[in-house]
Protein backbone atom coordinates (compact mmCIF):
# COMPACT_ATOMS: atom_id res chain seq x y z
CA MET A 1 77.82 87.51 10.71
CA LEU A 2 76.81 87.84 14.38
CA TRP A 3 73.13 87.80 15.19
CA PRO A 4 71.86 89.95 18.06
CA PRO A 5 71.19 87.85 21.17
CA SER A 6 67.59 86.95 21.95
CA GLU A 7 65.72 88.33 24.94
CA THR A 8 66.02 84.94 26.65
CA THR A 9 69.81 84.91 26.19
CA LEU A 10 70.06 88.46 27.56
CA MET A 11 67.93 87.51 30.54
CA TRP A 12 70.20 84.52 31.38
CA LEU A 13 73.32 86.69 30.97
CA GLN A 14 71.87 89.26 33.37
CA LEU A 15 70.95 86.54 35.90
CA ALA A 16 74.44 84.99 35.67
CA THR A 17 76.10 88.40 36.08
CA GLY A 18 73.91 89.23 39.06
CA PHE A 19 74.59 85.84 40.66
CA CYS A 20 78.35 86.25 40.23
CA GLY A 21 78.16 89.75 41.67
CA ALA A 22 76.17 88.53 44.68
CA VAL A 23 78.63 85.69 45.38
CA THR A 24 81.55 88.12 45.13
CA LEU A 25 79.84 90.57 47.46
CA LEU A 26 79.09 87.78 49.96
CA TYR A 27 82.74 86.65 49.82
CA TRP A 28 83.98 90.20 50.55
CA LEU A 29 81.44 90.73 53.33
CA ARG A 30 82.52 87.47 55.01
CA TRP A 31 86.19 88.44 54.61
CA LEU A 32 85.49 91.85 56.14
CA GLY A 33 83.48 90.26 58.95
CA ARG A 34 86.37 87.93 59.79
CA ARG A 35 88.84 90.80 59.57
CA LEU A 36 86.79 92.88 61.97
CA GLY A 37 86.24 89.89 64.27
CA HIS A 38 82.46 89.52 63.82
CA ILE A 39 82.26 86.05 62.26
CA LEU A 40 82.97 82.96 64.34
CA HIS A 41 86.20 81.22 63.46
CA LEU A 42 87.72 78.43 65.55
CA GLY A 43 91.30 77.20 65.23
CA VAL A 44 91.95 73.88 66.98
CA HIS A 45 95.51 72.69 67.61
CA PHE A 46 97.09 69.87 69.58
CA SER A 47 100.57 68.98 70.76
CA PRO A 48 103.13 67.56 70.77
CA LYS A 49 104.25 69.25 67.56
CA GLY A 50 100.70 69.86 66.35
CA GLY A 51 101.01 73.52 65.47
CA CYS A 52 100.12 75.18 68.80
CA MET A 53 103.26 77.32 68.97
CA GLU A 54 103.11 78.19 65.29
CA ALA A 55 99.47 79.29 65.57
CA LEU A 56 100.22 81.56 68.58
CA LEU A 57 103.25 83.10 66.85
CA GLU A 58 101.13 83.82 63.76
CA GLU A 59 98.48 85.61 65.83
CA LEU A 60 101.10 87.60 67.77
CA LYS A 61 102.61 88.83 64.47
CA LYS A 62 99.22 90.32 63.58
CA ALA A 63 98.76 92.11 66.93
CA ARG A 64 98.36 95.88 66.49
CA ARG A 65 97.03 97.34 69.75
CA GLU A 66 96.97 95.04 72.77
CA VAL A 67 98.15 91.61 73.93
CA LEU A 68 97.09 90.32 77.35
CA VAL A 69 98.74 87.14 78.68
CA GLN A 70 98.00 84.99 81.71
CA ALA A 71 100.32 82.02 82.19
CA TYR A 72 101.19 79.43 84.77
CA SER A 73 104.56 78.55 83.24
CA PHE A 74 106.49 80.47 80.57
CA THR A 75 109.67 78.95 79.17
CA SER A 76 109.14 79.38 75.41
CA ASP A 77 111.74 81.76 74.00
CA PRO A 78 109.94 82.07 70.61
CA LEU A 79 106.74 83.27 72.34
CA THR A 80 108.71 85.54 74.70
CA LEU A 81 110.54 87.14 71.79
CA ALA A 82 107.28 87.51 69.82
CA LEU A 83 105.81 89.44 72.76
CA VAL A 84 108.94 91.59 72.95
CA ASP A 85 108.67 92.25 69.21
CA ALA A 86 105.00 93.23 69.61
CA LYS A 87 105.93 95.67 72.38
CA GLN A 88 108.64 97.19 70.17
CA ARG A 89 106.00 97.70 67.45
CA GLY A 90 104.02 99.80 69.92
CA VAL A 91 101.56 97.11 71.06
CA ASP A 92 100.46 97.32 74.72
CA VAL A 93 101.73 93.98 76.07
CA GLN A 94 100.65 92.99 79.60
CA VAL A 95 101.72 89.71 81.20
CA VAL A 96 100.47 88.13 84.46
CA LEU A 97 102.36 85.03 85.66
CA ASP A 98 102.06 82.52 88.47
CA LYS A 99 104.39 83.12 91.43
CA SER A 100 106.42 79.98 90.60
CA ASN A 101 108.08 81.94 87.79
CA GLU A 102 109.99 84.01 90.34
CA VAL A 103 111.90 80.93 91.55
CA GLU A 104 111.71 78.59 88.55
CA ARG A 105 115.18 78.41 87.01
CA TYR A 106 113.85 77.75 83.48
CA SER A 107 111.26 80.54 83.45
CA ASP A 108 111.61 83.32 80.87
CA LEU A 109 110.77 85.88 83.59
CA HIS A 110 114.37 87.14 83.50
CA LEU A 111 114.09 87.65 79.74
CA PHE A 112 110.82 89.59 80.13
CA LEU A 113 112.46 91.83 82.74
CA GLU A 114 115.60 92.35 80.64
CA LYS A 115 113.46 93.37 77.63
CA GLY A 116 111.33 95.80 79.66
CA LEU A 117 108.02 93.91 79.64
CA ALA A 118 107.72 93.98 83.47
CA PRO A 119 105.32 91.08 84.10
CA LEU A 120 103.09 91.01 87.16
CA ILE A 121 102.88 88.07 89.55
CA ASP A 122 99.50 86.71 90.66
CA ALA A 123 100.25 85.26 94.11
CA GLU A 124 96.67 85.46 95.41
CA HIS A 125 95.92 81.85 94.57
CA ALA A 126 97.50 78.47 95.31
CA ILE A 127 98.31 78.34 91.60
CA ALA A 128 97.51 80.94 88.92
CA HIS A 129 96.88 78.19 86.38
CA ASN A 130 95.46 80.21 83.45
CA LYS A 131 96.89 79.84 79.94
CA ILE A 132 95.35 82.69 78.00
CA MET A 133 96.26 85.22 75.31
CA ILE A 134 93.86 87.97 74.27
CA ILE A 135 94.92 89.85 71.15
CA ASP A 136 93.47 93.21 70.07
CA GLN A 137 90.24 92.45 71.99
CA LYS A 138 89.27 90.16 69.09
CA VAL A 139 91.28 86.95 69.38
CA LEU A 140 91.18 84.57 72.34
CA ALA A 141 93.69 81.72 72.71
CA THR A 142 93.13 79.28 75.57
CA GLY A 143 93.39 75.61 76.45
CA SER A 144 95.68 73.31 78.41
CA PHE A 145 98.71 74.46 76.37
CA ASN A 146 101.29 76.07 78.65
CA PHE A 147 103.60 78.56 76.96
CA THR A 148 106.56 76.21 77.31
CA ASN A 149 108.90 74.19 75.14
CA GLN A 150 107.77 71.02 76.89
CA ALA A 151 104.12 71.71 76.03
CA GLU A 152 105.07 72.15 72.38
CA ASN A 153 107.43 69.21 72.01
CA GLN A 154 106.55 66.58 74.61
CA ASN A 155 103.19 67.02 76.35
CA ALA A 156 99.73 66.08 75.12
CA GLU A 157 98.03 69.52 75.07
CA ASN A 158 95.26 71.39 73.31
CA LEU A 159 94.85 74.98 72.14
CA LEU A 160 91.70 76.71 70.91
CA ILE A 161 91.90 80.05 69.06
CA ILE A 162 88.53 81.80 68.99
CA LYS A 163 87.60 84.74 66.77
CA GLY A 164 84.26 86.45 66.16
CA GLN A 165 82.98 86.18 69.75
CA PRO A 166 83.39 89.70 71.16
CA GLN A 167 81.27 89.05 74.26
CA LEU A 168 83.27 85.96 75.18
CA VAL A 169 86.55 87.81 74.60
CA GLU A 170 85.31 90.64 76.82
CA GLN A 171 84.53 88.19 79.65
CA TYR A 172 88.09 86.83 79.48
CA ARG A 173 89.48 90.36 79.26
CA GLN A 174 87.55 91.39 82.38
CA ASN A 175 88.83 88.30 84.18
CA PHE A 176 92.37 89.29 83.18
CA MET A 177 91.84 92.77 84.62
CA ASN A 178 90.47 91.30 87.87
CA HIS A 179 93.63 89.21 88.34
CA LYS A 180 95.88 92.04 87.23
CA ALA A 181 94.36 94.27 89.96
CA HIS A 182 95.67 92.05 92.77
CA SER A 183 98.98 91.15 91.13
CA LYS A 184 102.37 92.62 92.11
CA PRO A 185 105.51 93.47 90.12
CA ALA A 186 107.72 90.46 89.44
CA VAL A 187 110.93 90.00 91.40
CA MET A 188 113.57 87.40 90.51
CA LYS A 189 114.31 85.23 93.52
CA THR A 190 116.89 82.55 94.25
CA PRO A 191 115.46 79.19 93.25
CA GLU A 192 114.29 77.24 96.28
CA ALA A 193 116.37 74.19 97.16
CA LYS A 194 114.53 70.92 96.86
CA PRO A 195 114.39 68.73 100.02
CA ALA A 196 117.26 66.51 98.84
CA GLU A 197 119.39 69.59 98.07
CA ARG A 198 118.71 71.06 101.52
CA ARG A 199 119.76 67.81 103.21
CA ALA A 200 122.97 67.72 101.18
CA ALA A 201 123.83 71.35 102.03
């Protein structure tokens, strides 16, 4: 025969239920905060082969509205194709590259142009040395990591992916727009001959 629980037992059951409910609510609020980009989250990656490329590809897959890219060098086909895929999903993809991409034989500039991404060239500076991706005005990826195969597989590089810092992201986005304003449409050019090649010609 079951005896009715005492008042003390009922009180502890109510406290335990309330505590579990509060923890669950806190978990869901934190999840929602991260999802909406309001809680700080830092992803730190290093190369060679330390997950930089993989982390960028994962973020690009989640892009829904906008991807802004500033890059000094761009030779990574996986990243190029991920940007093309984002554009085909209806994401507004904007790319600003350093002028060296117009003459660099290994640059993916030709692939961008073939796929209709139409990058801009920032030739206002000695070198446009930024390495930045801004995704959906919520995610900022920056660091020494160039968007190249060499950066992924050979170089010692770092990549920081920042979420939950809308003011910081907005500063980077405004900087992107400032550089975009003085950039020009990309034009493929014949690679410049190096001094030794010119002498041999």
